[in-house]
Amino acid sequence: MMSDAELARDWPDLGIVVHELRAAHRGELADRLIGNVLYASTSGEIYNNVGHTLYEQRALRRTLSLEGSAAWDRVIDRIERIYGGINLGHWLARQWRKFWRPK
């Protein structure tokens, strides 16, 4: 099994999200994200599974700290860049959140 520290070393933003989810007593989702990384056989499967999991649970992003929420957005940004496309509506929403996020 991959530890949270190993994930944080290999993919720091996802490591922050996993840490925040565990702090919010959402360990089953954190374990699912780690499993998505650990048990996939290709990078495409990793990004697809992580992206799908985060999309399914997108309402939880609001429960995270500012750092956790920003890390969540960076993970999604990375996945969208890798797939070469961008969902304009999602991108604009993230830019809006970045602009209005308390400093």
PDB file of N, CA and C in Angstrom:
ATOM      1  N   MET A   1       0.847  -1.191   0.000  1.00  0.00           N
ATOM      2  CA  MET A   1       0.000   0.000   0.000  1.00  0.00           C
ATOM      3  C   MET A   1       0.881   1.240   0.000  1.00  0.00           C
ATOM      4  N   MET A   2       0.475   2.215  -0.726  1.00  0.00           N
ATOM      5  CA  MET A   2       1.192   3.479  -0.790  1.00  0.00           C
ATOM      6  C   MET A   2       0.803   4.315   0.425  1.00  0.00           C
ATOM      7  N   SER A   3       1.785   4.911   1.048  1.00  0.00           N
ATOM      8  CA  SER A   3       1.498   5.763   2.207  1.00  0.00           C
ATOM      9  C   SER A   3       1.169   7.176   1.751  1.00  0.00           C
ATOM     10  N   ASP A   4       0.584   7.941   2.648  1.00  0.00           N
ATOM     11  CA  ASP A   4       0.278   9.338   2.345  1.00  0.00           C
ATOM     12  C   ASP A   4       1.559  10.120   2.053  1.00  0.00           C
ATOM     13  N   ALA A   5       2.636   9.798   2.770  1.00  0.00           N
ATOM     14  CA  ALA A   5       3.907  10.493   2.567  1.00  0.00           C
ATOM     15  C   ALA A   5       4.482  10.200   1.187  1.00  0.00           C
ATOM     16  N   GLU A   6       4.369   8.948   0.730  1.00  0.00           N
ATOM     17  CA  GLU A   6       4.855   8.601  -0.611  1.00  0.00           C
ATOM     18  C   GLU A   6       4.047   9.322  -1.687  1.00  0.00           C
ATOM     19  N   LEU A   7       2.739   9.395  -1.484  1.00  0.00           N
ATOM     20  CA  LEU A   7       1.901  10.112  -2.438  1.00  0.00           C
ATOM     21  C   LEU A   7       2.256  11.593  -2.454  1.00  0.00           C
ATOM     22  N   ALA A   8       2.445  12.179  -1.279  1.00  0.00           N
ATOM     23  CA  ALA A   8       2.790  13.602  -1.185  1.00  0.00           C
ATOM     24  C   ALA A   8       4.138  13.885  -1.853  1.00  0.00           C
ATOM     25  N   ARG A   9       5.052  12.932  -1.784  1.00  0.00           N
ATOM     26  CA  ARG A   9       6.354  13.106  -2.437  1.00  0.00           C
ATOM     27  C   ARG A   9       6.213  13.043  -3.962  1.00  0.00           C
ATOM     28  N   ASP A  10       5.387  12.108  -4.459  1.00  0.00           N
ATOM     29  CA  ASP A  10       5.256  11.909  -5.901  1.00  0.00           C
ATOM     30  C   ASP A  10       4.288  12.892  -6.561  1.00  0.00           C
ATOM     31  N   TRP A  11       3.237  13.281  -5.851  1.00  0.00           N
ATOM     32  CA  TRP A  11       2.225  14.188  -6.392  1.00  0.00           C
ATOM     33  C   TRP A  11       1.775  15.088  -5.249  1.00  0.00           C
ATOM     34  N   PRO A  12       2.545  16.149  -4.965  1.00  0.00           N
ATOM     35  CA  PRO A  12       2.316  16.970  -3.769  1.00  0.00           C
ATOM     36  C   PRO A  12       0.898  17.514  -3.627  1.00  0.00           C
ATOM     37  N   ASP A  13       0.299  17.976  -4.712  1.00  0.00           N
ATOM     38  CA  ASP A  13      -1.050  18.539  -4.604  1.00  0.00           C
ATOM     39  C   ASP A  13      -2.078  17.480  -4.213  1.00  0.00           C
ATOM     40  N   LEU A  14      -1.967  16.309  -4.801  1.00  0.00           N
ATOM     41  CA  LEU A  14      -2.891  15.232  -4.415  1.00  0.00           C
ATOM     42  C   LEU A  14      -2.614  14.790  -2.986  1.00  0.00           C
ATOM     43  N   GLY A  15      -1.359  14.837  -2.573  1.00  0.00           N
ATOM     44  CA  GLY A  15      -1.018  14.530  -1.183  1.00  0.00           C
ATOM     45  C   GLY A  15      -1.684  15.485  -0.208  1.00  0.00           C
ATOM     46  N   ILE A  16      -1.748  16.763  -0.568  1.00  0.00           N
ATOM     47  CA  ILE A  16      -2.432  17.753   0.277  1.00  0.00           C
ATOM     48  C   ILE A  16      -3.914  17.431   0.359  1.00  0.00           C
ATOM     49  N   VAL A  17      -4.515  17.095  -0.776  1.00  0.00           N
ATOM     50  CA  VAL A  17      -5.947  16.760  -0.799  1.00  0.00           C
ATOM     51  C   VAL A  17      -6.214  15.548   0.085  1.00  0.00           C
ATOM     52  N   VAL A  18      -5.384  14.514  -0.038  1.00  0.00           N
ATOM     53  CA  VAL A  18      -5.561  13.303   0.778  1.00  0.00           C
ATOM     54  C   VAL A  18      -5.417  13.632   2.257  1.00  0.00           C
ATOM     55  N   HIS A  19      -4.417  14.426   2.613  1.00  0.00           N
ATOM     56  CA  HIS A  19      -4.221  14.824   4.010  1.00  0.00           C
ATOM     57  C   HIS A  19      -5.449  15.569   4.535  1.00  0.00           C
ATOM     58  N   GLU A  20      -5.964  16.499   3.755  1.00  0.00           N
ATOM     59  CA  GLU A  20      -7.137  17.277   4.167  1.00  0.00           C
ATOM     60  C   GLU A  20      -8.372  16.383   4.300  1.00  0.00           C
ATOM     61  N   LEU A  21      -8.527  15.432   3.393  1.00  0.00           N
ATOM     62  CA  LEU A  21      -9.669  14.522   3.487  1.00  0.00           C
ATOM     63  C   LEU A  21      -9.591  13.670   4.750  1.00  0.00           C
ATOM     64  N   ARG A  22      -8.400  13.207   5.086  1.00  0.00           N
ATOM     65  CA  ARG A  22      -8.259  12.430   6.330  1.00  0.00           C
ATOM     66  C   ARG A  22      -8.575  13.291   7.547  1.00  0.00           C
ATOM     67  N   ALA A  23      -8.139  14.549   7.524  1.00  0.00           N
ATOM     68  CA  ALA A  23      -8.426  15.451   8.643  1.00  0.00           C
ATOM     69  C   ALA A  23      -9.922  15.721   8.773  1.00  0.00           C
ATOM     70  N   ALA A  24     -10.648  15.640   7.649  1.00  0.00           N
ATOM     71  CA  ALA A  24     -12.097  15.857   7.653  1.00  0.00           C
ATOM     72  C   ALA A  24     -12.869  14.550   7.849  1.00  0.00           C
ATOM     73  N   HIS A  25     -12.173  13.507   8.276  1.00  0.00           N
ATOM     74  CA  HIS A  25     -12.776  12.196   8.544  1.00  0.00           C
ATOM     75  C   HIS A  25     -13.389  11.577   7.292  1.00  0.00           C
ATOM     76  N   ARG A  26     -12.717  11.772   6.162  1.00  0.00           N
ATOM     77  CA  ARG A  26     -13.134  11.176   4.896  1.00  0.00           C
ATOM     78  C   ARG A  26     -12.042  10.222   4.411  1.00  0.00           C
ATOM     79  N   GLY A  27     -11.590   9.354   5.325  1.00  0.00           N
ATOM     80  CA  GLY A  27     -10.500   8.430   5.024  1.00  0.00           C
ATOM     81  C   GLY A  27     -10.796   7.478   3.888  1.00  0.00           C
ATOM     82  N   GLU A  28     -12.075   7.089   3.740  1.00  0.00           N
ATOM     83  CA  GLU A  28     -12.420   6.150   2.663  1.00  0.00           C
ATOM     84  C   GLU A  28     -12.186   6.788   1.293  1.00  0.00           C
ATOM     85  N   LEU A  29     -12.456   8.072   1.170  1.00  0.00           N
ATOM     86  CA  LEU A  29     -12.200   8.757  -0.094  1.00  0.00           C
ATOM     87  C   LEU A  29     -10.695   8.945  -0.312  1.00  0.00           C
ATOM     88  N   ALA A  30      -9.965   9.254   0.752  1.00  0.00           N
ATOM     89  CA  ALA A  30      -8.511   9.377   0.659  1.00  0.00           C
ATOM     90  C   ALA A  30      -7.903   8.045   0.211  1.00  0.00           C
ATOM     91  N   ASP A  31      -8.379   6.950   0.791  1.00  0.00           N
ATOM     92  CA  ASP A  31      -7.888   5.620   0.395  1.00  0.00           C
ATOM     93  C   ASP A  31      -8.234   5.321  -1.059  1.00  0.00           C
ATOM     94  N   ARG A  32      -9.403   5.744  -1.493  1.00  0.00           N
ATOM     95  CA  ARG A  32      -9.811   5.533  -2.883  1.00  0.00           C
ATOM     96  C   ARG A  32      -8.885   6.285  -3.837  1.00  0.00           C
ATOM     97  N   LEU A  33      -8.516   7.516  -3.499  1.00  0.00           N
ATOM     98  CA  LEU A  33      -7.595   8.278  -4.348  1.00  0.00           C
ATOM     99  C   LEU A  33      -6.221   7.619  -4.408  1.00  0.00           C
ATOM    100  N   ILE A  34      -5.745   7.148  -3.261  1.00  0.00           N
ATOM    101  CA  ILE A  34      -4.463   6.443  -3.244  1.00  0.00           C
ATOM    102  C   ILE A  34      -4.554   5.177  -4.079  1.00  0.00           C
ATOM    103  N   GLY A  35      -5.655   4.458  -3.961  1.00  0.00           N
ATOM    104  CA  GLY A  35      -5.861   3.257  -4.771  1.00  0.00           C
ATOM    105  C   GLY A  35      -5.890   3.567  -6.255  1.00  0.00           C
ATOM    106  N   ASN A  36      -6.475   4.709  -6.619  1.00  0.00           N
ATOM    107  CA  ASN A  36      -6.498   5.118  -8.029  1.00  0.00           C
ATOM    108  C   ASN A  36      -5.093   5.282  -8.580  1.00  0.00           C
ATOM    109  N   VAL A  37      -4.191   5.789  -7.750  1.00  0.00           N
ATOM    110  CA  VAL A  37      -2.805   5.986  -8.176  1.00  0.00           C
ATOM    111  C   VAL A  37      -2.052   4.666  -8.139  1.00  0.00           C
ATOM    112  N   LEU A  38      -2.244   3.912  -7.099  1.00  0.00           N
ATOM    113  CA  LEU A  38      -1.454   2.702  -6.870  1.00  0.00           C
ATOM    114  C   LEU A  38      -1.813   1.557  -7.807  1.00  0.00           C
ATOM    115  N   TYR A  39      -3.081   1.348  -8.074  1.00  0.00           N
ATOM    116  CA  TYR A  39      -3.509   0.150  -8.791  1.00  0.00           C
ATOM    117  C   TYR A  39      -3.754   0.356 -10.280  1.00  0.00           C
ATOM    118  N   ALA A  40      -3.557   1.543 -10.793  1.00  0.00           N
ATOM    119  CA  ALA A  40      -3.713   1.775 -12.231  1.00  0.00           C
ATOM    120  C   ALA A  40      -2.450   1.308 -12.954  1.00  0.00           C
ATOM    121  N   SER A  41      -2.625   0.847 -14.174  1.00  0.00           N
ATOM    122  CA  SER A  41      -1.461   0.330 -14.901  1.00  0.00           C
ATOM    123  C   SER A  41      -0.841   1.355 -15.847  1.00  0.00           C
ATOM    124  N   THR A  42      -1.552   2.419 -16.150  1.00  0.00           N
ATOM    125  CA  THR A  42      -1.002   3.444 -17.037  1.00  0.00           C
ATOM    126  C   THR A  42      -1.257   4.822 -16.438  1.00  0.00           C
ATOM    127  N   SER A  43      -0.513   5.792 -16.913  1.00  0.00           N
ATOM    128  CA  SER A  43      -0.726   7.156 -16.427  1.00  0.00           C
ATOM    129  C   SER A  43      -2.115   7.660 -16.814  1.00  0.00           C
ATOM    130  N   GLY A  44      -2.608   7.235 -17.967  1.00  0.00           N
ATOM    131  CA  GLY A  44      -3.952   7.623 -18.383  1.00  0.00           C
ATOM    132  C   GLY A  44      -5.008   7.132 -17.409  1.00  0.00           C
ATOM    133  N   GLU A  45      -4.850   5.897 -16.936  1.00  0.00           N
ATOM    134  CA  GLU A  45      -5.793   5.363 -15.951  1.00  0.00           C
ATOM    135  C   GLU A  45      -5.714   6.140 -14.642  1.00  0.00           C
ATOM    136  N   ILE A  46      -4.497   6.493 -14.239  1.00  0.00           N
ATOM    137  CA  ILE A  46      -4.322   7.254 -12.997  1.00  0.00           C
ATOM    138  C   ILE A  46      -5.067   8.576 -13.098  1.00  0.00           C
ATOM    139  N   TYR A  47      -4.767   9.338 -14.143  1.00  0.00           N
ATOM    140  CA  TYR A  47      -5.379  10.664 -14.270  1.00  0.00           C
ATOM    141  C   TYR A  47      -6.885  10.570 -14.465  1.00  0.00           C
ATOM    142  N   ASN A  48      -7.330   9.588 -15.240  1.00  0.00           N
ATOM    143  CA  ASN A  48      -8.755   9.418 -15.478  1.00  0.00           C
ATOM    144  C   ASN A  48      -9.477   9.052 -14.179  1.00  0.00           C
ATOM    145  N   ASN A  49      -8.942   8.101 -13.431  1.00  0.00           N
ATOM    146  CA  ASN A  49      -9.588   7.656 -12.195  1.00  0.00           C
ATOM    147  C   ASN A  49      -9.573   8.738 -11.122  1.00  0.00           C
ATOM    148  N   VAL A  50      -8.440   9.413 -10.953  1.00  0.00           N
ATOM    149  CA  VAL A  50      -8.362  10.491  -9.960  1.00  0.00           C
ATOM    150  C   VAL A  50      -9.310  11.617 -10.348  1.00  0.00           C
ATOM    151  N   GLY A  51      -9.296  12.002 -11.617  1.00  0.00           N
ATOM    152  CA  GLY A  51     -10.183  13.066 -12.074  1.00  0.00           C
ATOM    153  C   GLY A  51     -11.644  12.716 -11.879  1.00  0.00           C
ATOM    154  N   HIS A  52     -12.001  11.474 -12.190  1.00  0.00           N
ATOM    155  CA  HIS A  52     -13.381  11.039 -12.029  1.00  0.00           C
ATOM    156  C   HIS A  52     -13.796  11.042 -10.558  1.00  0.00           C
ATOM    157  N   THR A  53     -12.923  10.559  -9.701  1.00  0.00           N
ATOM    158  CA  THR A  53     -13.212  10.535  -8.263  1.00  0.00           C
ATOM    159  C   THR A  53     -13.404  11.947  -7.729  1.00  0.00           C
ATOM    160  N   LEU A  54     -12.504  12.846  -8.083  1.00  0.00           N
ATOM    161  CA  LEU A  54     -12.629  14.223  -7.602  1.00  0.00           C
ATOM    162  C   LEU A  54     -13.878  14.898  -8.175  1.00  0.00           C
ATOM    163  N   TYR A  55     -14.207  14.596  -9.424  1.00  0.00           N
ATOM    164  CA  TYR A  55     -15.406  15.174 -10.022  1.00  0.00           C
ATOM    165  C   TYR A  55     -16.661  14.672  -9.307  1.00  0.00           C
ATOM    166  N   GLU A  56     -16.701  13.360  -9.022  1.00  0.00           N
ATOM    167  CA  GLU A  56     -17.854  12.794  -8.310  1.00  0.00           C
ATOM    168  C   GLU A  56     -18.051  13.434  -6.939  1.00  0.00           C
ATOM    169  N   GLN A  57     -16.958  13.759  -6.277  1.00  0.00           N
ATOM    170  CA  GLN A  57     -17.005  14.266  -4.902  1.00  0.00           C
ATOM    171  C   GLN A  57     -16.747  15.771  -4.846  1.00  0.00           C
ATOM    172  N   ARG A  58     -16.997  16.485  -5.927  1.00  0.00           N
ATOM    173  CA  ARG A  58     -16.620  17.895  -6.016  1.00  0.00           C
ATOM    174  C   ARG A  58     -17.228  18.778  -4.923  1.00  0.00           C
ATOM    175  N   ALA A  59     -18.351  18.389  -4.360  1.00  0.00           N
ATOM    176  CA  ALA A  59     -18.955  19.196  -3.288  1.00  0.00           C
ATOM    177  C   ALA A  59     -18.071  19.207  -2.041  1.00  0.00           C
ATOM    178  N   LEU A  60     -17.248  18.191  -1.861  1.00  0.00           N
ATOM    179  CA  LEU A  60     -16.370  18.125  -0.694  1.00  0.00           C
ATOM    180  C   LEU A  60     -15.253  19.161  -0.741  1.00  0.00           C
ATOM    181  N   ARG A  61     -14.942  19.662  -1.929  1.00  0.00           N
ATOM    182  CA  ARG A  61     -13.870  20.650  -2.049  1.00  0.00           C
ATOM    183  C   ARG A  61     -14.150  21.852  -1.157  1.00  0.00           C
ATOM    184  N   ARG A  62     -15.411  22.198  -0.998  1.00  0.00           N
ATOM    185  CA  ARG A  62     -15.787  23.350  -0.162  1.00  0.00           C
ATOM    186  C   ARG A  62     -15.498  23.131   1.316  1.00  0.00           C
ATOM    187  N   THR A  63     -15.402  21.885   1.727  1.00  0.00           N
ATOM    188  CA  THR A  63     -15.160  21.597   3.142  1.00  0.00           C
ATOM    189  C   THR A  63     -13.687  21.640   3.508  1.00  0.00           C
ATOM    190  N   LEU A  64     -12.821  21.734   2.505  1.00  0.00           N
ATOM    191  CA  LEU A  64     -11.376  21.738   2.759  1.00  0.00           C
ATOM    192  C   LEU A  64     -10.900  23.146   3.095  1.00  0.00           C
ATOM    193  N   SER A  65      -9.702  23.219   3.624  1.00  0.00           N
ATOM    194  CA  SER A  65      -9.093  24.520   3.900  1.00  0.00           C
ATOM    195  C   SER A  65      -8.776  25.224   2.586  1.00  0.00           C
ATOM    196  N   LEU A  66      -8.333  26.466   2.679  1.00  0.00           N
ATOM    197  CA  LEU A  66      -7.943  27.198   1.468  1.00  0.00           C
ATOM    198  C   LEU A  66      -6.838  26.469   0.718  1.00  0.00           C
ATOM    199  N   GLU A  67      -5.860  25.967   1.467  1.00  0.00           N
ATOM    200  CA  GLU A  67      -4.756  25.236   0.844  1.00  0.00           C
ATOM    201  C   GLU A  67      -5.258  23.954   0.180  1.00  0.00           C
ATOM    202  N   GLY A  68      -6.135  23.237   0.869  1.00  0.00           N
ATOM    203  CA  GLY A  68      -6.681  22.000   0.319  1.00  0.00           C
ATOM    204  C   GLY A  68      -7.527  22.240  -0.916  1.00  0.00           C
ATOM    205  N   SER A  69      -8.341  23.281  -0.874  1.00  0.00           N
ATOM    206  CA  SER A  69      -9.184  23.637  -2.014  1.00  0.00           C
ATOM    207  C   SER A  69      -8.333  24.046  -3.212  1.00  0.00           C
ATOM    208  N   ALA A  70      -7.280  24.829  -2.965  1.00  0.00           N
ATOM    209  CA  ALA A  70      -6.380  25.239  -4.043  1.00  0.00           C
ATOM    210  C   ALA A  70      -5.643  24.027  -4.621  1.00  0.00           C
ATOM    211  N   ALA A  71      -5.230  23.090  -3.768  1.00  0.00           N
ATOM    212  CA  ALA A  71      -4.554  21.884  -4.246  1.00  0.00           C
ATOM    213  C   ALA A  71      -5.504  21.042  -5.100  1.00  0.00           C
ATOM    214  N   TRP A  72      -6.762  20.950  -4.677  1.00  0.00           N
ATOM    215  CA  TRP A  72      -7.786  20.232  -5.453  1.00  0.00           C
ATOM    216  C   TRP A  72      -7.876  20.838  -6.850  1.00  0.00           C
ATOM    217  N   ASP A  73      -7.944  22.163  -6.928  1.00  0.00           N
ATOM    218  CA  ASP A  73      -8.027  22.848  -8.217  1.00  0.00           C
ATOM    219  C   ASP A  73      -6.787  22.594  -9.069  1.00  0.00           C
ATOM    220  N   ARG A  74      -5.608  22.573  -8.441  1.00  0.00           N
ATOM    221  CA  ARG A  74      -4.374  22.320  -9.201  1.00  0.00           C
ATOM    222  C   ARG A  74      -4.331  20.897  -9.750  1.00  0.00           C
ATOM    223  N   VAL A  75      -4.858  19.940  -8.994  1.00  0.00           N
ATOM    224  CA  VAL A  75      -4.914  18.555  -9.491  1.00  0.00           C
ATOM    225  C   VAL A  75      -5.806  18.499 -10.723  1.00  0.00           C
ATOM    226  N   ILE A  76      -6.981  19.113 -10.647  1.00  0.00           N
ATOM    227  CA  ILE A  76      -7.895  19.120 -11.789  1.00  0.00           C
ATOM    228  C   ILE A  76      -7.269  19.857 -12.972  1.00  0.00           C
ATOM    229  N   ASP A  77      -6.607  20.982 -12.718  1.00  0.00           N
ATOM    230  CA  ASP A  77      -5.920  21.724 -13.792  1.00  0.00           C
ATOM    231  C   ASP A  77      -4.894  20.837 -14.491  1.00  0.00           C
ATOM    232  N   ARG A  78      -4.124  20.106 -13.695  1.00  0.00           N
ATOM    233  CA  ARG A  78      -3.088  19.237 -14.268  1.00  0.00           C
ATOM    234  C   ARG A  78      -3.713  18.157 -15.142  1.00  0.00           C
ATOM    235  N   ILE A  79      -4.782  17.559 -14.667  1.00  0.00           N
ATOM    236  CA  ILE A  79      -5.437  16.505 -15.432  1.00  0.00           C
ATOM    237  C   ILE A  79      -5.986  17.068 -16.739  1.00  0.00           C
ATOM    238  N   GLU A  80      -6.604  18.233 -16.680  1.00  0.00           N
ATOM    239  CA  GLU A  80      -7.151  18.824 -17.905  1.00  0.00           C
ATOM    240  C   GLU A  80      -6.041  19.207 -18.884  1.00  0.00           C
ATOM    241  N   ARG A  81      -4.908  19.691 -18.391  1.00  0.00           N
ATOM    242  CA  ARG A  81      -3.791  20.026 -19.279  1.00  0.00           C
ATOM    243  C   ARG A  81      -3.234  18.776 -19.945  1.00  0.00           C
ATOM    244  N   ILE A  82      -3.136  17.693 -19.195  1.00  0.00           N
ATOM    245  CA  ILE A  82      -2.581  16.451 -19.737  1.00  0.00           C
ATOM    246  C   ILE A  82      -3.463  15.904 -20.851  1.00  0.00           C
ATOM    247  N   TYR A  83      -4.763  16.005 -20.687  1.00  0.00           N
ATOM    248  CA  TYR A  83      -5.671  15.503 -21.714  1.00  0.00           C
ATOM    249  C   TYR A  83      -5.826  16.467 -22.873  1.00  0.00           C
ATOM    250  N   GLY A  84      -5.147  17.598 -22.830  1.00  0.00           N
ATOM    251  CA  GLY A  84      -5.113  18.494 -23.964  1.00  0.00           C
ATOM    252  C   GLY A  84      -6.353  19.342 -24.169  1.00  0.00           C
ATOM    253  N   GLY A  85      -7.336  19.120 -23.382  1.00  0.00           N
ATOM    254  CA  GLY A  85      -8.554  19.906 -23.502  1.00  0.00           C
ATOM    255  C   GLY A  85      -8.813  20.637 -22.207  1.00  0.00           C
ATOM    256  N   ILE A  86      -9.717  21.542 -22.275  1.00  0.00           N
ATOM    257  CA  ILE A  86     -10.070  22.261 -21.066  1.00  0.00           C
ATOM    258  C   ILE A  86     -11.574  22.488 -21.099  1.00  0.00           C
ATOM    259  N   ASN A  87     -12.190  22.268 -19.993  1.00  0.00           N
ATOM    260  CA  ASN A  87     -13.604  22.558 -19.863  1.00  0.00           C
ATOM    261  C   ASN A  87     -13.694  24.028 -19.478  1.00  0.00           C
ATOM    262  N   LEU A  88     -14.095  24.856 -20.405  1.00  0.00           N
ATOM    263  CA  LEU A  88     -14.064  26.297 -20.200  1.00  0.00           C
ATOM    264  C   LEU A  88     -14.872  26.728 -18.980  1.00  0.00           C
ATOM    265  N   GLY A  89     -16.025  26.137 -18.778  1.00  0.00           N
ATOM    266  CA  GLY A  89     -16.846  26.488 -17.611  1.00  0.00           C
ATOM    267  C   GLY A  89     -16.140  26.184 -16.302  1.00  0.00           C
ATOM    268  N   HIS A  90     -15.517  25.017 -16.213  1.00  0.00           N
ATOM    269  CA  HIS A  90     -14.775  24.654 -14.996  1.00  0.00           C
ATOM    270  C   HIS A  90     -13.577  25.571 -14.802  1.00  0.00           C
ATOM    271  N   TRP A  91     -12.879  25.862 -15.891  1.00  0.00           N
ATOM    272  CA  TRP A  91     -11.708  26.725 -15.798  1.00  0.00           C
ATOM    273  C   TRP A  91     -12.100  28.118 -15.305  1.00  0.00           C
ATOM    274  N   LEU A  92     -13.168  28.671 -15.862  1.00  0.00           N
ATOM    275  CA  LEU A  92     -13.620  29.995 -15.423  1.00  0.00           C
ATOM    276  C   LEU A  92     -14.043  29.991 -13.965  1.00  0.00           C
ATOM    277  N   ALA A  93     -14.711  28.921 -13.531  1.00  0.00           N
ATOM    278  CA  ALA A  93     -15.121  28.829 -12.128  1.00  0.00           C
ATOM    279  C   ALA A  93     -13.898  28.793 -11.213  1.00  0.00           C
ATOM    280  N   ARG A  94     -12.842  28.070 -11.609  1.00  0.00           N
ATOM    281  CA  ARG A  94     -11.631  28.021 -10.793  1.00  0.00           C
ATOM    282  C   ARG A  94     -10.950  29.380 -10.741  1.00  0.00           C
ATOM    283  N   GLN A  95     -10.943  30.086 -11.877  1.00  0.00           N
ATOM    284  CA  GLN A  95     -10.334  31.416 -11.876  1.00  0.00           C
ATOM    285  C   GLN A  95     -11.114  32.354 -10.963  1.00  0.00           C
ATOM    286  N   TRP A  96     -12.421  32.251 -10.987  1.00  0.00           N
ATOM    287  CA  TRP A  96     -13.270  33.076 -10.127  1.00  0.00           C
ATOM    288  C   TRP A  96     -12.968  32.789  -8.657  1.00  0.00           C
ATOM    289  N   ARG A  97     -12.859  31.496  -8.312  1.00  0.00           N
ATOM    290  CA  ARG A  97     -12.550  31.125  -6.925  1.00  0.00           C
ATOM    291  C   ARG A  97     -11.171  31.646  -6.514  1.00  0.00           C
ATOM    292  N   LYS A  98     -10.198  31.560  -7.411  1.00  0.00           N
ATOM    293  CA  LYS A  98      -8.863  32.058  -7.104  1.00  0.00           C
ATOM    294  C   LYS A  98      -8.893  33.549  -6.844  1.00  0.00           C
ATOM    295  N   PHE A  99      -9.668  34.269  -7.623  1.00  0.00           N
ATOM    296  CA  PHE A  99      -9.748  35.723  -7.470  1.00  0.00           C
ATOM    297  C   PHE A  99     -10.407  36.111  -6.158  1.00  0.00           C
ATOM    298  N   TRP A 100     -11.453  35.410  -5.796  1.00  0.00           N
ATOM    299  CA  TRP A 100     -12.217  35.775  -4.592  1.00  0.00           C
ATOM    300  C   TRP A 100     -11.801  35.018  -3.340  1.00  0.00           C
ATOM    301  N   ARG A 101     -10.850  34.089  -3.471  1.00  0.00           N
ATOM    302  CA  ARG A 101     -10.390  33.319  -2.305  1.00  0.00           C
ATOM    303  C   ARG A 101      -9.727  34.263  -1.326  1.00  0.00           C
ATOM    304  N   PRO A 102     -10.115  34.190  -0.057  1.00  0.00           N
ATOM    305  CA  PRO A 102      -9.456  35.070   0.948  1.00  0.00           C
ATOM    306  C   PRO A 102      -7.974  34.799   1.009  1.00  0.00           C
ATOM    307  N   LYS A 103      -7.218  35.838   1.197  1.00  0.00           N
ATOM    308  CA  LYS A 103      -5.758  35.697   1.239  1.00  0.00           C
ATOM    309  C   LYS A 103      -5.303  35.451   2.650  1.00  0.00           C
TER     310      LYS A 103
END
